[in-house]
PDB file of all heavy atoms in Angstrom:
ATOM      1  N   ASP A   1      27.180  -2.349 -55.133  1.00  0.00           N
ATOM      2  CA  ASP A   1      26.354  -3.169 -56.036  1.00  0.00           C
ATOM      3  C   ASP A   1      27.244  -3.749 -57.123  1.00  0.00           C
ATOM      4  O   ASP A   1      27.874  -3.010 -57.880  1.00  0.00           O
ATOM      5  CB  ASP A   1      25.238  -2.338 -56.663  1.00  0.00           C
ATOM      6  CG  ASP A   1      24.207  -1.894 -55.648  1.00  0.00           C
ATOM      7  OD1 ASP A   1      24.009  -2.629 -54.657  1.00  0.00           O
ATOM      8  OD2 ASP A   1      23.610  -0.825 -55.846  1.00  0.00           O
ATOM      9  N   PHE A   2      27.310  -5.069 -57.186  1.00  0.00           N
ATOM     10  CA  PHE A   2      28.208  -5.804 -58.069  1.00  0.00           C
ATOM     11  C   PHE A   2      27.407  -6.377 -59.234  1.00  0.00           C
ATOM     12  O   PHE A   2      26.414  -7.068 -59.014  1.00  0.00           O
ATOM     13  CB  PHE A   2      28.844  -6.944 -57.250  1.00  0.00           C
ATOM     14  CG  PHE A   2      29.844  -7.785 -57.968  1.00  0.00           C
ATOM     15  CD1 PHE A   2      31.199  -7.533 -57.827  1.00  0.00           C
ATOM     16  CD2 PHE A   2      29.449  -8.868 -58.745  1.00  0.00           C
ATOM     17  CE1 PHE A   2      32.141  -8.330 -58.450  1.00  0.00           C
ATOM     18  CE2 PHE A   2      30.379  -9.664 -59.379  1.00  0.00           C
ATOM     19  CZ  PHE A   2      31.733  -9.398 -59.230  1.00  0.00           C
ATOM     20  N   HIS A   3      27.831  -6.063 -60.464  1.00  0.00           N
ATOM     21  CA  HIS A   3      27.191  -6.591 -61.676  1.00  0.00           C
ATOM     22  C   HIS A   3      28.284  -6.994 -62.646  1.00  0.00           C
ATOM     23  O   HIS A   3      29.071  -6.150 -63.073  1.00  0.00           O
ATOM     24  CB  HIS A   3      26.296  -5.539 -62.342  1.00  0.00           C
ATOM     25  CG  HIS A   3      25.175  -5.082 -61.479  1.00  0.00           C
ATOM     26  ND1 HIS A   3      23.995  -5.778 -61.381  1.00  0.00           N
ATOM     27  CD2 HIS A   3      25.058  -4.023 -60.653  1.00  0.00           C
ATOM     28  CE1 HIS A   3      23.198  -5.151 -60.534  1.00  0.00           C
ATOM     29  NE2 HIS A   3      23.824  -4.086 -60.071  1.00  0.00           N
ATOM     30  N   ALA A   4      28.345  -8.283 -62.991  1.00  0.00           N
ATOM     31  CA  ALA A   4      29.378  -8.753 -63.913  1.00  0.00           C
ATOM     32  C   ALA A   4      28.816  -9.864 -64.791  1.00  0.00           C
ATOM     33  O   ALA A   4      27.836 -10.527 -64.439  1.00  0.00           O
ATOM     34  CB  ALA A   4      30.588  -9.260 -63.136  1.00  0.00           C
ATOM     35  N   THR A   5      29.462 -10.048 -65.935  1.00  0.00           N
ATOM     36  CA  THR A   5      29.082 -11.101 -66.876  1.00  0.00           C
ATOM     37  C   THR A   5      30.296 -11.959 -67.178  1.00  0.00           C
ATOM     38  O   THR A   5      31.376 -11.437 -67.459  1.00  0.00           O
ATOM     39  CB  THR A   5      28.538 -10.503 -68.189  1.00  0.00           C
ATOM     40  OG1 THR A   5      27.414  -9.682 -67.882  1.00  0.00           O
ATOM     41  CG2 THR A   5      28.118 -11.580 -69.164  1.00  0.00           C
ATOM     42  N   ALA A   6      30.106 -13.267 -67.125  1.00  0.00           N
ATOM     43  CA  ALA A   6      31.145 -14.217 -67.526  1.00  0.00           C
ATOM     44  C   ALA A   6      30.742 -14.770 -68.892  1.00  0.00           C
ATOM     45  O   ALA A   6      29.627 -15.235 -69.073  1.00  0.00           O
ATOM     46  CB  ALA A   6      31.259 -15.348 -66.519  1.00  0.00           C
ATOM     47  N   GLY A   7      31.653 -14.690 -69.850  1.00  0.00           N
ATOM     48  CA  GLY A   7      31.320 -15.112 -71.209  1.00  0.00           C
ATOM     49  C   GLY A   7      30.703 -13.954 -71.970  1.00  0.00           C
ATOM     50  O   GLY A   7      30.958 -12.790 -71.671  1.00  0.00           O
ATOM     51  N   SER A   8      29.856 -14.269 -72.931  1.00  0.00           N
ATOM     52  CA  SER A   8      29.267 -13.208 -73.764  1.00  0.00           C
ATOM     53  C   SER A   8      28.108 -12.520 -73.059  1.00  0.00           C
ATOM     54  O   SER A   8      27.450 -13.101 -72.194  1.00  0.00           O
ATOM     55  CB  SER A   8      28.781 -13.785 -75.090  1.00  0.00           C
ATOM     56  OG  SER A   8      27.569 -14.477 -74.913  1.00  0.00           O
ATOM     57  N   ALA A   9      27.856 -11.286 -73.460  1.00  0.00           N
ATOM     58  CA  ALA A   9      26.777 -10.505 -72.851  1.00  0.00           C
ATOM     59  C   ALA A   9      25.409 -11.092 -73.153  1.00  0.00           C
ATOM     60  O   ALA A   9      24.474 -10.951 -72.361  1.00  0.00           O
ATOM     61  CB  ALA A   9      26.851  -9.059 -73.333  1.00  0.00           C
ATOM     62  N   THR A  10      25.252 -11.789 -74.277  1.00  0.00           N
ATOM     63  CA  THR A  10      23.933 -12.319 -74.653  1.00  0.00           C
ATOM     64  C   THR A  10      23.684 -13.731 -74.145  1.00  0.00           C
ATOM     65  O   THR A  10      22.559 -14.063 -73.785  1.00  0.00           O
ATOM     66  CB  THR A  10      23.759 -12.298 -76.185  1.00  0.00           C
ATOM     67  OG1 THR A  10      24.853 -12.996 -76.794  1.00  0.00           O
ATOM     68  CG2 THR A  10      23.710 -10.880 -76.700  1.00  0.00           C
ATOM     69  N   THR A  11      24.716 -14.579 -74.090  1.00  0.00           N
ATOM     70  CA  THR A  11      24.499 -15.966 -73.665  1.00  0.00           C
ATOM     71  C   THR A  11      25.309 -16.338 -72.425  1.00  0.00           C
ATOM     72  O   THR A  11      25.288 -17.490 -72.005  1.00  0.00           O
ATOM     73  CB  THR A  11      24.862 -16.944 -74.800  1.00  0.00           C
ATOM     74  OG1 THR A  11      26.253 -16.787 -75.124  1.00  0.00           O
ATOM     75  CG2 THR A  11      24.011 -16.712 -76.026  1.00  0.00           C
ATOM     76  N   GLY A  12      25.993 -15.376 -71.844  1.00  0.00           N
ATOM     77  CA  GLY A  12      26.848 -15.654 -70.703  1.00  0.00           C
ATOM     78  C   GLY A  12      26.095 -15.717 -69.390  1.00  0.00           C
ATOM     79  O   GLY A  12      24.861 -15.685 -69.331  1.00  0.00           O
ATOM     80  N   THR A  13      26.870 -15.789 -68.340  1.00  0.00           N
ATOM     81  CA  THR A  13      26.334 -15.877 -66.981  1.00  0.00           C
ATOM     82  C   THR A  13      26.451 -14.516 -66.307  1.00  0.00           C
ATOM     83  O   THR A  13      27.509 -13.894 -66.341  1.00  0.00           O
ATOM     84  CB  THR A  13      27.115 -16.927 -66.173  1.00  0.00           C
ATOM     85  OG1 THR A  13      26.981 -18.191 -66.828  1.00  0.00           O
ATOM     86  CG2 THR A  13      26.602 -17.036 -64.753  1.00  0.00           C
ATOM     87  N   THR A  14      25.367 -14.056 -65.691  1.00  0.00           N
ATOM     88  CA  THR A  14      25.391 -12.783 -64.979  1.00  0.00           C
ATOM     89  C   THR A  14      25.544 -13.035 -63.478  1.00  0.00           C
ATOM     90  O   THR A  14      24.896 -13.919 -62.917  1.00  0.00           O
ATOM     91  CB  THR A  14      24.112 -11.964 -65.229  1.00  0.00           C
ATOM     92  OG1 THR A  14      22.973 -12.738 -64.839  1.00  0.00           O
ATOM     93  CG2 THR A  14      23.980 -11.582 -66.689  1.00  0.00           C
ATOM     94  N   PHE A  15      26.434 -12.272 -62.882  1.00  0.00           N
ATOM     95  CA  PHE A  15      26.675 -12.318 -61.445  1.00  0.00           C
ATOM     96  C   PHE A  15      26.211 -10.987 -60.861  1.00  0.00           C
ATOM     97  O   PHE A  15      26.655  -9.930 -61.296  1.00  0.00           O
ATOM     98  CB  PHE A  15      28.165 -12.494 -61.142  1.00  0.00           C
ATOM     99  CG  PHE A  15      28.712 -13.845 -61.475  1.00  0.00           C
ATOM    100  CD1 PHE A  15      29.022 -14.191 -62.779  1.00  0.00           C
ATOM    101  CD2 PHE A  15      28.916 -14.779 -60.477  1.00  0.00           C
ATOM    102  CE1 PHE A  15      29.540 -15.439 -63.087  1.00  0.00           C
ATOM    103  CE2 PHE A  15      29.433 -16.035 -60.770  1.00  0.00           C
ATOM    104  CZ  PHE A  15      29.743 -16.370 -62.083  1.00  0.00           C
ATOM    105  N   THR A  16      25.308 -11.023 -59.895  1.00  0.00           N
ATOM    106  CA  THR A  16      24.861  -9.810 -59.215  1.00  0.00           C
ATOM    107  C   THR A  16      24.967 -10.031 -57.716  1.00  0.00           C
ATOM    108  O   THR A  16      24.840 -11.164 -57.237  1.00  0.00           O
ATOM    109  CB  THR A  16      23.408  -9.435 -59.576  1.00  0.00           C
ATOM    110  OG1 THR A  16      22.554 -10.533 -59.242  1.00  0.00           O
ATOM    111  CG2 THR A  16      23.269  -9.108 -61.051  1.00  0.00           C
ATOM    112  N   GLY A  17      25.220  -8.961 -56.994  1.00  0.00           N
ATOM    113  CA  GLY A  17      25.325  -9.080 -55.550  1.00  0.00           C
ATOM    114  C   GLY A  17      25.818  -7.806 -54.920  1.00  0.00           C
ATOM    115  O   GLY A  17      25.756  -6.738 -55.531  1.00  0.00           O
ATOM    116  N   THR A  18      26.348  -7.949 -53.713  1.00  0.00           N
ATOM    117  CA  THR A  18      26.793  -6.805 -52.928  1.00  0.00           C
ATOM    118  C   THR A  18      28.160  -7.084 -52.332  1.00  0.00           C
ATOM    119  O   THR A  18      28.415  -8.179 -51.824  1.00  0.00           O
ATOM    120  CB  THR A  18      25.791  -6.519 -51.793  1.00  0.00           C
ATOM    121  OG1 THR A  18      24.486  -6.361 -52.354  1.00  0.00           O
ATOM    122  CG2 THR A  18      26.158  -5.258 -51.050  1.00  0.00           C
ATOM    123  N   LEU A  19      29.008  -6.055 -52.379  1.00  0.00           N
ATOM    124  CA  LEU A  19      30.324  -6.131 -51.752  1.00  0.00           C
ATOM    125  C   LEU A  19      30.372  -5.256 -50.509  1.00  0.00           C
ATOM    126  O   LEU A  19      29.717  -4.216 -50.448  1.00  0.00           O
ATOM    127  CB  LEU A  19      31.410  -5.626 -52.714  1.00  0.00           C
ATOM    128  CG  LEU A  19      31.594  -6.330 -54.039  1.00  0.00           C
ATOM    129  CD1 LEU A  19      32.745  -5.684 -54.808  1.00  0.00           C
ATOM    130  CD2 LEU A  19      31.838  -7.813 -53.856  1.00  0.00           C
ATOM    131  N   THR A  20      31.138  -5.694 -49.521  1.00  0.00           N
ATOM    132  CA  THR A  20      31.561  -4.836 -48.423  1.00  0.00           C
ATOM    133  C   THR A  20      33.039  -4.544 -48.698  1.00  0.00           C
ATOM    134  O   THR A  20      33.567  -4.954 -49.731  1.00  0.00           O
ATOM    135  CB  THR A  20      31.394  -5.517 -47.061  1.00  0.00           C
ATOM    136  OG1 THR A  20      32.324  -6.608 -46.971  1.00  0.00           O
ATOM    137  CG2 THR A  20      29.970  -6.019 -46.855  1.00  0.00           C
ATOM    138  N   ALA A  21      33.723  -3.902 -47.786  1.00  0.00           N
ATOM    139  CA  ALA A  21      35.136  -3.599 -48.004  1.00  0.00           C
ATOM    140  C   ALA A  21      35.997  -4.854 -48.075  1.00  0.00           C
ATOM    141  O   ALA A  21      37.077  -4.842 -48.650  1.00  0.00           O
ATOM    142  CB  ALA A  21      35.651  -2.670 -46.909  1.00  0.00           C
ATOM    143  N   THR A  22      35.515  -5.982 -47.524  1.00  0.00           N
ATOM    144  CA  THR A  22      36.345  -7.189 -47.468  1.00  0.00           C
ATOM    145  C   THR A  22      35.711  -8.451 -48.028  1.00  0.00           C
ATOM    146  O   THR A  22      36.402  -9.444 -48.242  1.00  0.00           O
ATOM    147  CB  THR A  22      36.751  -7.492 -46.015  1.00  0.00           C
ATOM    148  OG1 THR A  22      35.561  -7.663 -45.229  1.00  0.00           O
ATOM    149  CG2 THR A  22      37.600  -6.378 -45.441  1.00  0.00           C
ATOM    150  N   SER A  23      34.392  -8.465 -48.256  1.00  0.00           N
ATOM    151  CA  SER A  23      33.747  -9.690 -48.748  1.00  0.00           C
ATOM    152  C   SER A  23      32.532  -9.347 -49.604  1.00  0.00           C
ATOM    153  O   SER A  23      32.084  -8.210 -49.638  1.00  0.00           O
ATOM    154  CB  SER A  23      33.321 -10.588 -47.584  1.00  0.00           C
ATOM    155  OG  SER A  23      32.333  -9.953 -46.808  1.00  0.00           O
ATOM    156  N   GLY A  24      32.028 -10.358 -50.285  1.00  0.00           N
ATOM    157  CA  GLY A  24      30.857 -10.158 -51.121  1.00  0.00           C
ATOM    158  C   GLY A  24      30.121 -11.459 -51.360  1.00  0.00           C
ATOM    159  O   GLY A  24      30.666 -12.549 -51.170  1.00  0.00           O
ATOM    160  N   ASN A  25      28.858 -11.332 -51.778  1.00  0.00           N
ATOM    161  CA  ASN A  25      28.073 -12.514 -52.123  1.00  0.00           C
ATOM    162  C   ASN A  25      26.876 -12.084 -52.966  1.00  0.00           C
ATOM    163  O   ASN A  25      26.541 -10.910 -53.027  1.00  0.00           O
ATOM    164  CB  ASN A  25      27.627 -13.279 -50.882  1.00  0.00           C
ATOM    165  CG  ASN A  25      26.747 -12.448 -49.989  1.00  0.00           C
ATOM    166  OD1 ASN A  25      25.627 -12.096 -50.352  1.00  0.00           O
ATOM    167  ND2 ASN A  25      27.243 -12.105 -48.819  1.00  0.00           N
ATOM    168  N   GLY A  26      26.275 -13.064 -53.601  1.00  0.00           N
ATOM    169  CA  GLY A  26      25.119 -12.766 -54.434  1.00  0.00           C
ATOM    170  C   GLY A  26      24.647 -13.997 -55.178  1.00  0.00           C
ATOM    171  O   GLY A  26      24.892 -15.129 -54.750  1.00  0.00           O
ATOM    172  N   THR A  27      24.004 -13.755 -56.303  1.00  0.00           N
ATOM    173  CA  THR A  27      23.470 -14.837 -57.118  1.00  0.00           C
ATOM    174  C   THR A  27      24.037 -14.751 -58.530  1.00  0.00           C
ATOM    175  O   THR A  27      24.535 -13.710 -58.952  1.00  0.00           O
ATOM    176  CB  THR A  27      21.932 -14.777 -57.186  1.00  0.00           C
ATOM    177  OG1 THR A  27      21.544 -13.516 -57.746  1.00  0.00           O
ATOM    178  CG2 THR A  27      21.312 -14.933 -55.808  1.00  0.00           C
ATOM    179  N   TRP A  28      23.955 -15.857 -59.249  1.00  0.00           N
ATOM    180  CA  TRP A  28      24.360 -15.881 -60.645  1.00  0.00           C
ATOM    181  C   TRP A  28      23.303 -16.634 -61.445  1.00  0.00           C
ATOM    182  O   TRP A  28      22.567 -17.469 -60.902  1.00  0.00           O
ATOM    183  CB  TRP A  28      25.739 -16.511 -60.831  1.00  0.00           C
ATOM    184  CG  TRP A  28      25.853 -17.951 -60.409  1.00  0.00           C
ATOM    185  CD1 TRP A  28      26.188 -18.425 -59.182  1.00  0.00           C
ATOM    186  CD2 TRP A  28      25.627 -19.102 -61.235  1.00  0.00           C
ATOM    187  NE1 TRP A  28      26.183 -19.790 -59.168  1.00  0.00           N
ATOM    188  CE2 TRP A  28      25.844 -20.244 -60.429  1.00  0.00           C
ATOM    189  CE3 TRP A  28      25.259 -19.290 -62.555  1.00  0.00           C
ATOM    190  CZ2 TRP A  28      25.727 -21.534 -60.914  1.00  0.00           C
ATOM    191  CZ3 TRP A  28      25.135 -20.590 -63.037  1.00  0.00           C
ATOM    192  CH2 TRP A  28      25.367 -21.697 -62.215  1.00  0.00           C
ATOM    193  N   GLU A  29      23.225 -16.305 -62.740  1.00  0.00           N
ATOM    194  CA  GLU A  29      22.236 -16.957 -63.600  1.00  0.00           C
ATOM    195  C   GLU A  29      22.722 -16.987 -65.044  1.00  0.00           C
ATOM    196  O   GLU A  29      23.273 -16.018 -65.545  1.00  0.00           O
ATOM    197  CB  GLU A  29      20.905 -16.212 -63.540  1.00  0.00           C
ATOM    198  CG  GLU A  29      19.840 -16.829 -64.433  1.00  0.00           C
ATOM    199  CD  GLU A  29      18.537 -16.062 -64.416  1.00  0.00           C
ATOM    200  OE1 GLU A  29      18.554 -14.837 -64.176  1.00  0.00           O
ATOM    201  OE2 GLU A  29      17.500 -16.694 -64.660  1.00  0.00           O
ATOM    202  N   ASN A  30      22.508 -18.122 -65.673  1.00  0.00           N
ATOM    203  CA  ASN A  30      22.686 -18.252 -67.111  1.00  0.00           C
ATOM    204  C   ASN A  30      21.328 -18.668 -67.648  1.00  0.00           C
ATOM    205  O   ASN A  30      20.972 -19.850 -67.651  1.00  0.00           O
ATOM    206  CB  ASN A  30      23.764 -19.285 -67.458  1.00  0.00           C
ATOM    207  CG  ASN A  30      23.992 -19.388 -68.942  1.00  0.00           C
ATOM    208  OD1 ASN A  30      23.057 -19.578 -69.706  1.00  0.00           O
ATOM    209  ND2 ASN A  30      25.240 -19.256 -69.352  1.00  0.00           N
TER     210      ASN A  30
END
């Protein structure tokens, strides 16, 4: 389970998704 933020925690973009051992994908939202 992948959870990351680009920029600030309050106004930044959140990336969520799933990784396998070699690849990953998901959604992002600002």
